[in-house]
Each structure stands twice: as structure tokens, then as C-alpha cells.
Amino acid sequence: MKKEISEKNLRDYGFTEKNISRLKEILSREENQNQSFTTLIVDLSKRFYAGVICILLLLALFLFAFVFYPASVILSYIPVIVFGVIAIYYLIPLNLSWKAYRLMKGLK
């Protein structure tokens, strides 16, 4: 991507001031000194795909269990599914990655 992403672009695509300050915090870390909003947004948009794939895999696991196993086994899958979705939501910040995905699609 050749165009640099600015704070104005971020605001235009739904990033809040809290989101932008979080991105600035990430960029201020020592290991991220050579990155910009653009590289961070590209990475977050890729993470969105990974998050969606992981959630779809968890859903497929649950549907497989629902079809082939009795209710007692399905009940044991529910905490695993809930924990998995929560872990995915926080490890791949889905809120930020969704906004980054929309921004990348809008700038093309």
C-alpha cells in the first residue's frame, strides 16, 4: 500500500480517540519504532481474517458435536467454545481489526 494512513483516515473509518491512543501506544513500544499507522493497520486487517477463520473453526466444531454427539457431550463443549471466542476476541483485537479491515477495503 503506497498511501500513508493518518489519524484523520482512522477517524473517518470509525476509530475512536481511545482506539487511536491504543494504536499510538503500540507504536511507541521499542520493538515497533520503525512502524507507522499504515503497517499497523495492514497487520490488523490480516489479523481480522485469522480471527474470522478461528471463530468459524470453533463454530464448525460445535456443529459437528451437535450433530454426532449426545447432549451431555455438547454441554461440555460449550465452555470450551465460550473460552475460545473470548480468547480470540482479545488476542486478535477483533474490534480494532474489523475497523482496520474496513479501512483497508475503503482505501483501495
N, C-alpha and C. Protein backbone atom coordinates (compact mmCIF):
# COMPACT_ATOMS: atom_id res chain seq x y z
N MET A 1 0.85 -1.18 0.00
CA MET A 1 0.00 0.00 0.00
C MET A 1 0.89 1.23 0.00
N LYS A 2 0.65 2.13 -0.90
CA LYS A 2 1.52 3.29 -1.06
C LYS A 2 1.05 4.48 -0.23
N LYS A 3 -0.22 4.60 0.03
CA LYS A 3 -0.76 5.76 0.74
C LYS A 3 -0.54 5.61 2.24
N GLU A 4 -0.04 6.69 2.85
CA GLU A 4 0.15 6.69 4.31
C GLU A 4 -1.20 6.95 4.98
N ILE A 5 -1.44 6.24 6.04
CA ILE A 5 -2.69 6.39 6.80
C ILE A 5 -2.45 7.39 7.92
N SER A 6 -3.33 8.36 8.01
CA SER A 6 -3.22 9.40 9.04
C SER A 6 -4.30 9.21 10.09
N GLU A 7 -4.21 10.01 11.14
CA GLU A 7 -5.23 9.96 12.19
C GLU A 7 -6.60 10.36 11.63
N LYS A 8 -6.61 11.25 10.65
CA LYS A 8 -7.88 11.65 10.04
C LYS A 8 -8.52 10.46 9.33
N ASN A 9 -7.72 9.68 8.60
CA ASN A 9 -8.25 8.47 7.95
C ASN A 9 -8.84 7.52 9.00
N LEU A 10 -8.12 7.36 10.09
CA LEU A 10 -8.60 6.47 11.15
C LEU A 10 -9.95 6.94 11.69
N ARG A 11 -10.05 8.23 11.96
CA ARG A 11 -11.33 8.77 12.47
C ARG A 11 -12.46 8.61 11.45
N ASP A 12 -12.13 8.82 10.18
CA ASP A 12 -13.14 8.71 9.13
C ASP A 12 -13.71 7.30 9.01
N TYR A 13 -12.92 6.30 9.39
CA TYR A 13 -13.35 4.91 9.28
C TYR A 13 -13.76 4.30 10.61
N GLY A 14 -14.10 5.14 11.58
CA GLY A 14 -14.72 4.64 12.80
C GLY A 14 -13.81 4.41 13.98
N PHE A 15 -12.54 4.72 13.88
CA PHE A 15 -11.66 4.58 15.03
C PHE A 15 -11.95 5.70 16.02
N THR A 16 -12.12 5.36 17.27
CA THR A 16 -12.36 6.36 18.31
C THR A 16 -11.03 6.91 18.81
N GLU A 17 -11.10 7.95 19.61
CA GLU A 17 -9.87 8.51 20.19
C GLU A 17 -9.17 7.47 21.07
N LYS A 18 -9.96 6.65 21.74
CA LYS A 18 -9.38 5.59 22.57
C LYS A 18 -8.64 4.57 21.70
N ASN A 19 -9.24 4.21 20.56
CA ASN A 19 -8.58 3.29 19.63
C ASN A 19 -7.28 3.88 19.10
N ILE A 20 -7.32 5.14 18.73
CA ILE A 20 -6.14 5.80 18.18
C ILE A 20 -5.04 5.90 19.23
N SER A 21 -5.42 6.22 20.47
CA SER A 21 -4.39 6.28 21.52
C SER A 21 -3.80 4.90 21.79
N ARG A 22 -4.60 3.86 21.67
CA ARG A 22 -4.09 2.48 21.82
C ARG A 22 -3.10 2.15 20.70
N LEU A 23 -3.42 2.56 19.48
CA LEU A 23 -2.50 2.34 18.36
C LEU A 23 -1.20 3.11 18.56
N LYS A 24 -1.30 4.36 19.05
CA LYS A 24 -0.09 5.14 19.32
C LYS A 24 0.75 4.49 20.41
N GLU A 25 0.07 3.93 21.40
CA GLU A 25 0.79 3.23 22.47
C GLU A 25 1.57 2.04 21.92
N ILE A 26 0.94 1.29 21.03
CA ILE A 26 1.60 0.15 20.40
C ILE A 26 2.80 0.61 19.57
N LEU A 27 2.63 1.70 18.84
CA LEU A 27 3.72 2.21 18.00
C LEU A 27 4.86 2.79 18.83
N SER A 28 4.60 3.21 20.05
CA SER A 28 5.65 3.81 20.88
C SER A 28 6.54 2.77 21.55
N ARG A 29 6.16 1.51 21.50
CA ARG A 29 6.99 0.46 22.07
C ARG A 29 8.31 0.36 21.32
N GLU A 30 9.33 -0.06 22.05
CA GLU A 30 10.67 -0.11 21.47
C GLU A 30 10.76 -1.01 20.24
N GLU A 31 10.08 -2.16 20.28
CA GLU A 31 10.17 -3.09 19.15
C GLU A 31 9.38 -2.62 17.93
N ASN A 32 8.57 -1.57 18.08
CA ASN A 32 7.75 -1.07 16.97
C ASN A 32 8.17 0.32 16.52
N GLN A 33 9.38 0.73 16.81
CA GLN A 33 9.84 2.09 16.50
C GLN A 33 9.84 2.39 14.99
N ASN A 34 10.07 1.38 14.16
CA ASN A 34 10.15 1.63 12.72
C ASN A 34 8.81 1.42 12.01
N GLN A 35 7.74 1.27 12.75
CA GLN A 35 6.43 1.07 12.14
C GLN A 35 5.63 2.37 12.14
N SER A 36 4.60 2.38 11.31
CA SER A 36 3.70 3.53 11.22
C SER A 36 2.26 3.03 11.34
N PHE A 37 1.33 3.97 11.30
CA PHE A 37 -0.09 3.58 11.31
C PHE A 37 -0.38 2.63 10.15
N THR A 38 0.24 2.88 9.01
CA THR A 38 -0.03 2.07 7.82
C THR A 38 0.35 0.62 8.05
N THR A 39 1.56 0.37 8.54
CA THR A 39 1.98 -1.02 8.76
C THR A 39 1.15 -1.69 9.84
N LEU A 40 0.79 -0.93 10.86
CA LEU A 40 -0.03 -1.48 11.93
C LEU A 40 -1.43 -1.83 11.44
N ILE A 41 -2.02 -0.98 10.63
CA ILE A 41 -3.36 -1.23 10.09
C ILE A 41 -3.35 -2.42 9.14
N VAL A 42 -2.31 -2.54 8.33
CA VAL A 42 -2.21 -3.69 7.42
C VAL A 42 -2.14 -4.97 8.24
N ASP A 43 -1.34 -4.97 9.30
CA ASP A 43 -1.22 -6.15 10.17
C ASP A 43 -2.56 -6.47 10.84
N LEU A 44 -3.23 -5.44 11.34
CA LEU A 44 -4.53 -5.68 11.99
C LEU A 44 -5.57 -6.21 11.02
N SER A 45 -5.55 -5.74 9.79
CA SER A 45 -6.53 -6.24 8.81
C SER A 45 -6.27 -7.71 8.49
N LYS A 46 -5.01 -8.13 8.50
CA LYS A 46 -4.69 -9.55 8.30
C LYS A 46 -5.15 -10.37 9.49
N ARG A 47 -5.02 -9.80 10.67
CA ARG A 47 -5.48 -10.50 11.87
C ARG A 47 -7.00 -10.71 11.86
N PHE A 48 -7.72 -9.82 11.20
CA PHE A 48 -9.16 -9.98 11.11
C PHE A 48 -9.50 -11.28 10.40
N TYR A 49 -8.81 -11.56 9.31
CA TYR A 49 -9.03 -12.83 8.60
C TYR A 49 -8.75 -14.02 9.51
N ALA A 50 -7.65 -13.95 10.24
CA ALA A 50 -7.29 -15.05 11.15
C ALA A 50 -8.36 -15.23 12.23
N GLY A 51 -8.87 -14.14 12.76
CA GLY A 51 -9.90 -14.22 13.78
C GLY A 51 -11.19 -14.84 13.26
N VAL A 52 -11.58 -14.44 12.08
CA VAL A 52 -12.80 -14.99 11.48
C VAL A 52 -12.63 -16.49 11.22
N ILE A 53 -11.48 -16.88 10.72
CA ILE A 53 -11.23 -18.30 10.46
C ILE A 53 -11.27 -19.10 11.76
N CYS A 54 -10.66 -18.57 12.82
CA CYS A 54 -10.67 -19.27 14.11
C CYS A 54 -12.08 -19.41 14.67
N ILE A 55 -12.87 -18.35 14.58
CA ILE A 55 -14.25 -18.42 15.08
C ILE A 55 -15.07 -19.40 14.24
N LEU A 56 -14.85 -19.42 12.93
CA LEU A 56 -15.56 -20.38 12.08
C LEU A 56 -15.17 -21.82 12.42
N LEU A 57 -13.90 -22.04 12.74
CA LEU A 57 -13.47 -23.37 13.16
C LEU A 57 -14.13 -23.80 14.47
N LEU A 58 -14.24 -22.87 15.40
CA LEU A 58 -14.93 -23.19 16.66
C LEU A 58 -16.40 -23.48 16.41
N LEU A 59 -17.03 -22.72 15.54
CA LEU A 59 -18.42 -22.96 15.20
C LEU A 59 -18.59 -24.31 14.52
N ALA A 60 -17.67 -24.66 13.63
CA ALA A 60 -17.73 -25.97 12.96
C ALA A 60 -17.57 -27.10 13.96
N LEU A 61 -16.69 -26.92 14.93
CA LEU A 61 -16.51 -27.92 15.98
C LEU A 61 -17.80 -28.12 16.77
N PHE A 62 -18.44 -27.00 17.11
CA PHE A 62 -19.68 -27.09 17.86
C PHE A 62 -20.78 -27.76 17.03
N LEU A 63 -20.89 -27.39 15.77
CA LEU A 63 -21.92 -28.00 14.92
C LEU A 63 -21.65 -29.49 14.72
N PHE A 64 -20.40 -29.87 14.58
CA PHE A 64 -20.04 -31.28 14.46
C PHE A 64 -20.47 -32.04 15.72
N ALA A 65 -20.18 -31.46 16.87
CA ALA A 65 -20.56 -32.10 18.14
C ALA A 65 -22.08 -32.17 18.26
N PHE A 66 -22.76 -31.12 17.82
CA PHE A 66 -24.22 -31.09 17.91
C PHE A 66 -24.86 -32.19 17.07
N VAL A 67 -24.28 -32.48 15.93
CA VAL A 67 -24.84 -33.49 15.03
C VAL A 67 -24.49 -34.91 15.46
N PHE A 68 -23.27 -35.13 15.91
CA PHE A 68 -22.80 -36.50 16.11
C PHE A 68 -22.73 -36.97 17.57
N TYR A 69 -22.91 -36.08 18.54
CA TYR A 69 -22.76 -36.48 19.93
C TYR A 69 -24.03 -36.20 20.73
N PRO A 70 -24.22 -36.89 21.85
CA PRO A 70 -25.39 -36.64 22.69
C PRO A 70 -25.27 -35.29 23.42
N ALA A 71 -26.37 -34.88 24.02
CA ALA A 71 -26.44 -33.57 24.67
C ALA A 71 -25.42 -33.41 25.79
N SER A 72 -25.12 -34.48 26.50
CA SER A 72 -24.16 -34.37 27.60
C SER A 72 -22.77 -33.98 27.10
N VAL A 73 -22.40 -34.47 25.95
CA VAL A 73 -21.10 -34.11 25.37
C VAL A 73 -21.13 -32.67 24.86
N ILE A 74 -22.24 -32.28 24.28
CA ILE A 74 -22.37 -30.92 23.76
C ILE A 74 -22.23 -29.91 24.89
N LEU A 75 -22.79 -30.22 26.05
CA LEU A 75 -22.69 -29.31 27.19
C LEU A 75 -21.24 -29.12 27.63
N SER A 76 -20.41 -30.13 27.46
CA SER A 76 -19.01 -29.97 27.81
C SER A 76 -18.26 -29.13 26.77
N TYR A 77 -18.77 -29.03 25.57
CA TYR A 77 -18.14 -28.21 24.53
C TYR A 77 -18.43 -26.73 24.72
N ILE A 78 -19.55 -26.40 25.35
CA ILE A 78 -19.96 -25.00 25.47
C ILE A 78 -18.91 -24.15 26.19
N PRO A 79 -18.38 -24.56 27.35
CA PRO A 79 -17.34 -23.72 27.99
C PRO A 79 -16.09 -23.56 27.11
N VAL A 80 -15.74 -24.60 26.38
CA VAL A 80 -14.58 -24.52 25.50
C VAL A 80 -14.83 -23.50 24.39
N ILE A 81 -16.00 -23.54 23.81
CA ILE A 81 -16.35 -22.62 22.74
C ILE A 81 -16.37 -21.18 23.26
N VAL A 82 -16.99 -20.98 24.42
CA VAL A 82 -17.06 -19.63 25.01
C VAL A 82 -15.65 -19.11 25.31
N PHE A 83 -14.82 -19.94 25.94
CA PHE A 83 -13.45 -19.53 26.23
C PHE A 83 -12.69 -19.23 24.94
N GLY A 84 -12.88 -20.06 23.93
CA GLY A 84 -12.19 -19.85 22.65
C GLY A 84 -12.57 -18.54 22.00
N VAL A 85 -13.86 -18.22 22.00
CA VAL A 85 -14.31 -16.97 21.38
C VAL A 85 -13.77 -15.77 22.15
N ILE A 86 -13.80 -15.84 23.48
CA ILE A 86 -13.28 -14.73 24.29
C ILE A 86 -11.78 -14.57 24.06
N ALA A 87 -11.05 -15.67 24.02
CA ALA A 87 -9.61 -15.61 23.78
C ALA A 87 -9.30 -15.01 22.41
N ILE A 88 -10.04 -15.43 21.41
CA ILE A 88 -9.83 -14.90 20.07
C ILE A 88 -10.14 -13.41 20.03
N TYR A 89 -11.23 -13.01 20.70
CA TYR A 89 -11.63 -11.60 20.69
C TYR A 89 -10.55 -10.70 21.29
N TYR A 90 -9.89 -11.17 22.34
CA TYR A 90 -8.88 -10.34 22.98
C TYR A 90 -7.48 -10.52 22.41
N LEU A 91 -7.12 -11.70 21.95
CA LEU A 91 -5.79 -11.90 21.39
C LEU A 91 -5.65 -11.31 19.99
N ILE A 92 -6.72 -11.34 19.23
CA ILE A 92 -6.74 -10.73 17.90
C ILE A 92 -7.73 -9.58 18.01
N PRO A 93 -7.38 -8.47 18.58
CA PRO A 93 -8.40 -7.47 18.92
C PRO A 93 -9.39 -7.28 17.77
N LEU A 94 -10.46 -8.07 17.82
CA LEU A 94 -11.41 -8.10 16.69
C LEU A 94 -12.05 -6.75 16.41
N ASN A 95 -12.27 -5.96 17.45
CA ASN A 95 -12.86 -4.64 17.24
C ASN A 95 -11.94 -3.77 16.38
N LEU A 96 -10.68 -3.71 16.78
CA LEU A 96 -9.71 -2.92 16.00
C LEU A 96 -9.44 -3.54 14.64
N SER A 97 -9.35 -4.86 14.59
CA SER A 97 -9.04 -5.49 13.31
C SER A 97 -10.20 -5.34 12.31
N TRP A 98 -11.44 -5.34 12.81
CA TRP A 98 -12.59 -5.11 11.92
C TRP A 98 -12.53 -3.71 11.34
N LYS A 99 -12.21 -2.72 12.18
CA LYS A 99 -12.10 -1.35 11.69
C LYS A 99 -10.94 -1.21 10.70
N ALA A 100 -9.83 -1.90 10.98
CA ALA A 100 -8.69 -1.86 10.06
C ALA A 100 -9.04 -2.51 8.74
N TYR A 101 -9.77 -3.62 8.79
CA TYR A 101 -10.21 -4.29 7.57
C TYR A 101 -11.09 -3.36 6.73
N ARG A 102 -12.04 -2.70 7.38
CA ARG A 102 -12.92 -1.75 6.66
C ARG A 102 -12.11 -0.61 6.07
N LEU A 103 -11.13 -0.09 6.80
CA LEU A 103 -10.31 0.99 6.31
C LEU A 103 -9.51 0.55 5.09
N MET A 104 -8.93 -0.65 5.16
CA MET A 104 -8.15 -1.14 4.02
C MET A 104 -9.04 -1.33 2.79
N LYS A 105 -10.24 -1.83 2.98
CA LYS A 105 -11.16 -2.02 1.85
C LYS A 105 -11.60 -0.66 1.29
N GLY A 106 -11.76 0.32 2.16
CA GLY A 106 -12.20 1.63 1.72
C GLY A 106 -11.13 2.42 0.99
N LEU A 107 -9.87 2.17 1.32
CA LEU A 107 -8.78 2.92 0.69
C LEU A 107 -8.33 2.32 -0.64
N LYS A 108 -8.79 1.15 -0.97
CA LYS A 108 -8.38 0.52 -2.25
C LYS A 108 -9.10 1.12 -3.41
